[in-house]
Protein backbone atom coordinates (compact mmCIF):
# COMPACT_ATOMS: atom_id res chain seq x y z
CA UNK A 1 1.58 -40.27 -13.09
CA UNK A 2 3.62 -37.60 -14.48
CA UNK A 3 1.03 -34.31 -16.42
CA UNK A 4 3.24 -34.48 -19.09
CA UNK A 5 2.81 -38.31 -19.65
CA UNK A 6 -1.12 -37.82 -19.17
CA UNK A 7 -1.66 -36.35 -22.50
CA UNK A 8 0.34 -40.08 -23.85
CA UNK A 9 -1.97 -42.56 -22.25
CA UNK A 10 -5.81 -43.44 -24.11
CA UNK A 11 -9.38 -43.32 -22.15
CA UNK A 12 -8.80 -44.94 -18.62
CA UNK A 13 -11.95 -43.65 -17.39
CA UNK A 14 -15.66 -44.93 -17.89
CA UNK A 15 -18.07 -41.44 -18.54
CA UNK A 16 -15.27 -38.86 -17.48
CA UNK A 17 -11.46 -37.80 -16.42
CA UNK A 18 -9.77 -37.41 -13.45
CA UNK A 19 -10.73 -34.40 -11.35
CA UNK A 20 -7.62 -34.69 -9.40
CA UNK A 21 -6.79 -34.23 -5.66
CA UNK A 22 -8.60 -32.05 -2.32
CA UNK A 23 -7.11 -28.94 -1.87
CA UNK A 24 -7.95 -27.74 1.69
CA UNK A 25 -6.67 -24.69 1.41
CA UNK A 26 -10.30 -23.74 -0.58
CA UNK A 27 -12.44 -25.17 1.43
CA UNK A 28 -13.96 -21.32 2.44
CA UNK A 29 -14.15 -20.81 -1.21
CA UNK A 30 -15.69 -24.49 -2.15
CA UNK A 31 -18.48 -24.12 0.26
CA UNK A 32 -18.84 -20.33 -0.73
CA UNK A 33 -19.16 -21.30 -3.98
CA UNK A 34 -21.89 -24.43 -3.30
CA UNK A 35 -23.78 -22.35 -1.52
CA UNK A 36 -24.21 -19.46 -4.61
CA UNK A 37 -24.75 -22.97 -7.01
CA UNK A 38 -27.93 -23.11 -4.51
CA UNK A 39 -29.17 -19.54 -5.68
CA UNK A 40 -28.79 -20.77 -9.51
CA UNK A 41 -31.89 -20.79 -11.88
CA UNK A 42 -33.62 -23.89 -11.67
CA UNK A 43 -34.94 -25.74 -14.44
CA UNK A 44 -38.56 -25.01 -14.39
CA UNK A 45 -37.99 -21.74 -14.15
CA UNK A 46 -36.24 -21.58 -17.23
CA UNK A 47 -38.86 -23.89 -18.59
CA UNK A 48 -41.17 -21.29 -17.63
CA UNK A 49 -39.49 -18.64 -19.35
CA UNK A 50 -38.74 -20.45 -22.48
CA UNK A 51 -43.02 -21.01 -22.81
CA UNK A 52 -43.47 -17.60 -21.90
CA UNK A 53 -46.28 -15.47 -23.85
CA UNK A 54 -43.87 -12.59 -25.03
CA UNK A 55 -40.22 -10.58 -23.41
CA UNK A 56 -42.30 -8.67 -21.22
CA UNK A 57 -43.78 -12.24 -19.50
CA UNK A 58 -40.06 -13.83 -18.82
CA UNK A 59 -38.68 -10.12 -18.10
CA UNK A 60 -41.61 -10.86 -15.35
CA UNK A 61 -40.64 -14.52 -14.13
CA UNK A 62 -37.23 -13.05 -13.37
CA UNK A 63 -37.79 -9.98 -11.37
CA UNK A 64 -37.49 -11.99 -8.30
CA UNK A 65 -33.76 -12.95 -9.68
CA UNK A 66 -30.24 -11.04 -9.94
CA UNK A 67 -31.35 -11.05 -13.11
CA UNK A 68 -34.05 -9.12 -12.83
CA UNK A 69 -34.72 -6.48 -15.75
CA UNK A 70 -37.61 -3.86 -17.27
CA UNK A 71 -40.20 -5.68 -19.53
CA UNK A 72 -39.38 -2.51 -21.61
CA UNK A 73 -35.76 -2.39 -21.81
CA UNK A 74 -34.10 -2.61 -24.82
CA UNK A 75 -31.15 -4.66 -26.12
CA UNK A 76 -29.04 -2.40 -25.12
CA UNK A 77 -29.97 -2.79 -21.73
CA UNK A 78 -30.40 -6.68 -21.45
CA UNK A 79 -27.02 -7.07 -22.66
CA UNK A 80 -25.41 -4.40 -20.46
CA UNK A 81 -27.00 -6.14 -17.43
CA UNK A 82 -26.06 -9.42 -18.81
CA UNK A 83 -21.98 -8.45 -19.38
CA UNK A 84 -22.36 -6.72 -15.52
CA UNK A 85 -23.58 -10.14 -14.31
CA UNK A 86 -20.60 -12.26 -15.59
CA UNK A 87 -18.02 -9.39 -14.77
CA UNK A 88 -19.33 -10.00 -11.28
CA UNK A 89 -18.88 -13.81 -11.35
CA UNK A 90 -15.28 -13.99 -12.82
CA UNK A 91 -14.31 -11.05 -10.52
CA UNK A 92 -15.75 -13.35 -7.51
CA UNK A 93 -13.76 -16.59 -9.05
CA UNK A 94 -10.24 -14.32 -9.16
CA UNK A 95 -10.81 -12.69 -5.46
CA UNK A 96 -11.30 -16.64 -4.08
CA UNK A 97 -8.71 -18.02 -6.31
CA UNK A 98 -5.37 -18.95 -4.11
CA UNK A 99 -3.54 -20.25 -7.05
CA UNK A 100 -3.28 -17.07 -9.47
CA UNK A 101 -1.59 -18.59 -12.27
CA UNK A 102 -5.44 -20.50 -12.88
CA UNK A 103 -6.75 -17.22 -12.88
CA UNK A 104 -4.33 -16.88 -16.05
CA UNK A 105 -5.89 -19.71 -17.98
CA UNK A 106 -9.21 -18.85 -17.10
CA UNK A 107 -8.56 -14.91 -18.66
CA UNK A 108 -6.90 -16.25 -21.73
CA UNK A 109 -10.55 -16.94 -23.47
CA UNK A 110 -10.60 -13.05 -23.77
CA UNK A 111 -6.83 -12.60 -24.56
CA UNK A 112 -7.50 -15.31 -27.44
CA UNK A 113 -10.58 -13.81 -28.64
CA UNK A 114 -9.25 -10.58 -28.62
CA UNK A 115 -6.89 -11.57 -30.72
CA UNK A 116 -9.09 -13.13 -33.52
CA UNK A 117 -10.70 -9.86 -33.62
CA UNK A 118 -7.44 -8.02 -34.05
CA UNK A 119 -6.17 -10.17 -36.70
CA UNK A 120 -9.35 -10.44 -38.81
CA UNK A 121 -9.24 -6.42 -38.45
CA UNK A 122 -5.77 -6.44 -39.64
CA UNK A 123 -5.64 -9.19 -42.75
CA UNK A 124 -8.85 -7.26 -43.58
CA UNK A 125 -7.63 -3.64 -43.62
CA UNK A 126 -10.03 -2.54 -41.02
CA UNK A 127 -9.10 -0.15 -38.45
CA UNK A 128 -8.02 -1.47 -35.95
CA UNK A 129 -9.95 -0.02 -32.95
CA UNK A 130 -10.51 -0.33 -29.07
CA UNK A 131 -13.61 -2.15 -28.20
CA UNK A 132 -11.57 -5.22 -27.14
CA UNK A 133 -12.46 -7.59 -23.96
CA UNK A 134 -10.86 -5.66 -20.68
CA UNK A 135 -10.83 -8.86 -18.89
CA UNK A 136 -7.70 -10.87 -19.98
CA UNK A 137 -4.12 -10.75 -19.16
CA UNK A 138 -3.50 -8.09 -22.11
CA UNK A 139 -5.60 -4.78 -21.45
CA UNK A 140 -7.83 -3.56 -24.11
CA UNK A 141 -6.50 -0.76 -24.76
CA UNK A 142 -2.80 -2.14 -25.18
CA UNK A 143 -4.70 -4.36 -28.16
CA UNK A 144 -4.24 -1.39 -30.81
CA UNK A 145 -1.16 -0.05 -29.80
CA UNK A 146 0.94 -3.06 -29.94
CA UNK A 147 -0.68 -3.95 -34.01
CA UNK A 148 -0.10 -0.42 -34.96
CA UNK A 149 3.47 -0.69 -33.53
CA UNK A 150 3.69 -4.20 -34.78
CA UNK A 151 5.56 -4.87 -31.26
CA UNK A 152 4.49 -8.29 -30.48
CA UNK A 153 7.06 -9.28 -28.39
CA UNK A 154 4.92 -7.12 -25.72
CA UNK A 155 2.19 -10.21 -26.04
CA UNK A 156 2.73 -13.21 -23.57
CA UNK A 157 4.31 -16.18 -25.25
CA UNK A 158 0.91 -17.73 -25.83
CA UNK A 159 -0.15 -14.92 -27.98
CA UNK A 160 2.58 -14.03 -30.20
CA UNK A 161 2.21 -17.71 -31.16
CA UNK A 162 -1.38 -17.14 -31.96
CA UNK A 163 -0.78 -13.84 -34.11
CA UNK A 164 2.33 -15.58 -36.00
CA UNK A 165 0.20 -18.79 -36.99
CA UNK A 166 -3.37 -17.00 -37.88
CA UNK A 167 -1.25 -14.46 -40.25
CA UNK A 168 0.43 -17.02 -41.65
CA UNK A 169 -2.46 -18.97 -41.81
CA UNK A 170 -4.75 -16.21 -43.40
CA UNK A 171 -2.10 -15.61 -45.95
CA UNK A 172 -1.34 -19.15 -47.19
CA UNK A 173 -4.77 -19.85 -48.32
CA UNK A 174 -5.99 -16.41 -48.37
CA UNK A 175 -9.20 -17.63 -46.43
CA UNK A 176 -10.86 -15.71 -43.44
CA UNK A 177 -11.49 -19.07 -41.08
CA UNK A 178 -7.72 -19.82 -41.50
CA UNK A 179 -7.45 -17.00 -38.43
CA UNK A 180 -9.64 -18.97 -36.62
CA UNK A 181 -8.33 -21.95 -36.53
CA UNK A 182 -4.94 -21.44 -36.40
CA UNK A 183 -5.76 -19.55 -33.04
CA UNK A 184 -8.01 -22.26 -32.10
CA UNK A 185 -5.10 -24.86 -32.31
CA UNK A 186 -2.41 -22.53 -30.20
CA UNK A 187 -5.22 -21.79 -27.56
CA UNK A 188 -5.97 -26.06 -27.24
CA UNK A 189 -2.33 -26.75 -27.30
CA UNK A 190 -1.50 -23.97 -24.73
CA UNK A 191 -4.14 -25.16 -22.14
CA UNK A 192 -3.01 -28.45 -22.02
CA UNK A 193 0.85 -27.64 -21.70
CA UNK A 194 -0.03 -24.83 -19.13
CA UNK A 195 -2.22 -27.20 -17.21
CA UNK A 196 0.50 -30.03 -17.19
CA UNK A 197 3.32 -26.75 -16.20
CA UNK A 198 0.90 -25.63 -13.28
CA UNK A 199 0.11 -29.68 -12.36
CA UNK A 200 -3.43 -29.09 -11.79
CA UNK A 201 -4.93 -32.05 -13.37
CA UNK A 202 -8.43 -31.35 -13.69
CA UNK A 203 -7.49 -28.10 -15.50
CA UNK A 204 -5.73 -30.33 -17.69
CA UNK A 205 -9.06 -32.80 -18.16
CA UNK A 206 -10.98 -29.88 -19.06
CA UNK A 207 -8.74 -29.20 -21.96
CA UNK A 208 -8.80 -32.50 -23.36
CA UNK A 209 -12.17 -33.17 -23.37
CA UNK A 210 -12.49 -29.75 -25.25
CA UNK A 211 -10.04 -31.00 -27.71
CA UNK A 212 -11.87 -34.14 -28.25
CA UNK A 213 -15.47 -32.04 -28.95
CA UNK A 214 -14.22 -29.70 -31.13
CA UNK A 215 -12.63 -32.40 -33.16
CA UNK A 216 -16.41 -34.39 -33.00
CA UNK A 217 -18.09 -31.06 -33.74
CA UNK A 218 -15.24 -30.70 -36.91
CA UNK A 219 -15.39 -34.03 -37.83
CA UNK A 220 -19.32 -33.91 -38.51
CA UNK A 221 -19.04 -30.23 -40.24
CA UNK A 222 -16.09 -31.59 -42.29
CA UNK A 223 -18.14 -34.35 -43.55
CA UNK A 224 -21.55 -32.97 -43.75
CA UNK A 225 -20.02 -30.31 -46.40
CA UNK A 226 -18.27 -32.71 -48.08
CA UNK A 227 -14.90 -31.20 -47.46
CA UNK A 228 -11.57 -33.79 -46.64
CA UNK A 229 -9.58 -31.27 -44.44
CA UNK A 230 -8.24 -33.10 -42.66
CA UNK A 231 -5.62 -30.98 -40.58
CA UNK A 232 -8.17 -29.16 -38.73
CA UNK A 233 -7.92 -31.88 -35.96
CA UNK A 234 -6.33 -31.10 -32.79
CA UNK A 235 -3.87 -33.41 -31.04
CA UNK A 236 -3.87 -33.81 -27.40
CA UNK A 237 -7.34 -35.00 -26.73
CA UNK A 238 -8.63 -38.16 -25.24
CA UNK A 239 -9.24 -39.86 -28.13
CA UNK A 240 -6.71 -39.99 -30.99
CA UNK A 241 -7.22 -37.59 -34.30
CA UNK A 242 -6.81 -41.25 -36.47
CA UNK A 243 -10.06 -41.96 -35.19
CA UNK A 244 -11.78 -38.65 -36.21
CA UNK A 245 -9.82 -39.39 -39.56
CA UNK A 246 -12.19 -42.82 -39.80
CA UNK A 247 -14.98 -40.77 -39.17
CA UNK A 248 -14.66 -38.87 -41.90
CA UNK A 249 -14.48 -41.93 -44.33
CA UNK A 250 -17.02 -43.87 -42.61
CA UNK A 251 -20.72 -43.44 -43.56
CA UNK A 252 -23.08 -41.34 -40.96
CA UNK A 253 -24.61 -45.05 -39.72
CA UNK A 254 -21.33 -46.47 -38.93
CA UNK A 255 -19.61 -42.88 -36.96
CA UNK A 256 -21.01 -43.90 -33.41
CA UNK A 257 -19.45 -47.49 -33.46
CA UNK A 258 -15.96 -45.92 -34.44
CA UNK A 259 -16.40 -44.67 -30.65
CA UNK A 260 -17.89 -47.10 -28.15
CA UNK A 261 -14.99 -47.57 -26.07
CA UNK A 262 -15.09 -43.68 -25.75
CA UNK A 263 -17.86 -41.67 -23.36
CA UNK A 264 -18.81 -39.71 -26.62
CA UNK A 265 -20.50 -42.59 -28.56
CA UNK A 266 -23.71 -41.62 -27.23
CA UNK A 267 -22.94 -37.72 -27.80
CA UNK A 268 -22.64 -39.35 -31.49
CA UNK A 269 -24.99 -41.42 -31.70
CA UNK A 270 -28.10 -38.54 -30.83
CA UNK A 271 -25.96 -36.00 -33.10
CA UNK A 272 -25.66 -38.13 -35.92
CA UNK A 273 -29.11 -38.94 -36.06
CA UNK A 274 -30.40 -35.71 -36.01
CA UNK A 275 -28.27 -34.73 -38.69
CA UNK A 276 -29.57 -36.94 -40.99
CA UNK A 277 -32.84 -36.77 -40.02
CA UNK A 278 -33.16 -32.87 -39.28
CA UNK A 279 -30.07 -31.66 -41.32
CA UNK A 280 -28.90 -29.53 -38.50
CA UNK A 281 -26.19 -29.89 -35.69
CA UNK A 282 -28.76 -28.59 -32.95
CA UNK A 283 -28.58 -31.96 -31.12
CA UNK A 284 -24.98 -32.68 -31.38
CA UNK A 285 -24.29 -28.88 -29.91
CA UNK A 286 -26.55 -29.71 -27.15
CA UNK A 287 -24.96 -33.52 -26.02
CA UNK A 288 -21.23 -31.76 -26.24
CA UNK A 289 -22.73 -29.24 -23.60
CA UNK A 290 -24.08 -31.82 -21.88
CA UNK A 291 -21.12 -33.66 -21.31
CA UNK A 292 -18.81 -30.77 -20.52
CA UNK A 293 -21.30 -29.70 -17.81
CA UNK A 294 -21.90 -32.97 -16.55
CA UNK A 295 -18.24 -33.12 -15.95
CA UNK A 296 -18.11 -29.34 -14.49
CA UNK A 297 -21.09 -31.31 -11.79
CA UNK A 298 -19.21 -33.94 -11.20
CA UNK A 299 -17.30 -32.04 -8.88
CA UNK A 300 -19.77 -32.00 -6.41
CA UNK A 301 -17.98 -34.94 -5.36
CA UNK A 302 -14.73 -32.99 -3.54
CA UNK A 303 -15.30 -31.37 -0.65
CA UNK A 304 -12.60 -28.95 -1.14
CA UNK A 305 -10.15 -27.78 -4.17
CA UNK A 306 -10.34 -24.87 -7.03
CA UNK A 307 -11.73 -27.32 -8.92
CA UNK A 308 -15.19 -26.61 -7.70
CA UNK A 309 -14.99 -22.59 -7.89
CA UNK A 310 -13.58 -23.25 -11.66
CA UNK A 311 -16.94 -25.76 -12.34
CA UNK A 312 -19.21 -22.91 -10.45
CA UNK A 313 -17.63 -20.24 -12.88
CA UNK A 314 -17.84 -22.39 -15.68
CA UNK A 315 -21.91 -23.37 -14.52
CA UNK A 316 -22.71 -19.55 -14.04
CA UNK A 317 -21.22 -18.42 -17.38
CA UNK A 318 -23.45 -20.96 -18.85
CA UNK A 319 -26.27 -20.00 -17.18
CA UNK A 320 -26.00 -15.98 -18.58
CA UNK A 321 -25.83 -17.19 -21.83
CA UNK A 322 -28.94 -19.58 -21.50
CA UNK A 323 -30.27 -16.56 -20.19
CA UNK A 324 -28.97 -14.32 -22.50
CA UNK A 325 -31.02 -16.80 -25.27
CA UNK A 326 -33.97 -17.10 -23.35
CA UNK A 327 -34.56 -13.56 -23.37
CA UNK A 328 -33.54 -12.28 -26.64
CA UNK A 329 -34.64 -15.43 -28.60
CA UNK A 330 -38.37 -14.21 -26.65
CA UNK A 331 -37.56 -10.52 -27.52
CA UNK A 332 -37.24 -11.46 -31.68
CA UNK A 333 -40.05 -14.47 -31.70
CA UNK A 334 -38.11 -17.51 -31.40
CA UNK A 335 -40.35 -20.41 -30.93
CA UNK A 336 -40.33 -21.66 -27.54
CA UNK A 337 -39.94 -25.49 -28.93
CA UNK A 338 -36.20 -24.04 -30.26
CA UNK A 339 -35.47 -22.74 -26.99
CA UNK A 340 -36.44 -25.59 -25.55
CA UNK A 341 -34.39 -27.53 -27.66
CA UNK A 342 -31.43 -25.49 -26.64
CA UNK A 343 -31.69 -25.53 -22.87
CA UNK A 344 -28.99 -28.06 -21.59
CA UNK A 345 -27.73 -30.28 -18.86
CA UNK A 346 -26.77 -26.92 -15.99
CA UNK A 347 -30.44 -27.03 -15.62
CA UNK A 348 -30.91 -30.77 -14.32
């Protein structure tokens, strides 16, 4: 089946979508990330950190890991350490990837994040600044220059589309949220299109999962806020947008049944129940993360290919975010229960 036709298909899988074929050019890279994966933090260690009495105690538990940090460290030192770890794993990923167009797909995340920041500053008449991520395809120092000269042709096509859509979206309603909606929509469509162009089944599945999970979150957040903005659902996921529109019109108790034929029924069953009982989206966010991490971890069934390398990068970034959450939580006195509720599937 052509990748260009796959987005026209319904859900023809039980739990996770296709991973794509093995690629023996990646045998060394796959072996390397499999070894590195054994060095990731264990579930028990993260639980111990969440239950630690203080930031100092939590830092002591990490002393034998790559996240070692002094118990007296301030927030700036903590953030610098975590950014260093993230930069290191992204650099390793770029080195291991034979197909460099797949590196562009991952780096584009930073380009879109930089674009959100730049457009927000432009429309609110704030200085453009220079504090953009330098881990995208467009150098950070070029963002200010491009916007000041209004020479958007220097951006890649996907960022040109993002500039136009976000600026038009903002001025149409004078609502700052429209910037994020517009850029998210451009990014989602570009990821599907780009994965098709490079012929990567795994990245296409990943892009479509993210669209579905975005639509699930959007459906419940719009419903909770009693807003009927149906244009915010993205196409090209595995689930048709009409299903999410139906969810807006249904009672909370009926929503999971609407998605019984999809792999997302369990997410909604727990997420809707927790939202109804606790008035919080915490369980929904956790279950969405669980599903995405589960898909990434399913790459263990492949002997060689770019899929395990991409999965390792994303799982490692999830680990770094979790370490940040735990240590910042300890530094700010958050309860152990709250932090334990946030711990996700990648540790299991």
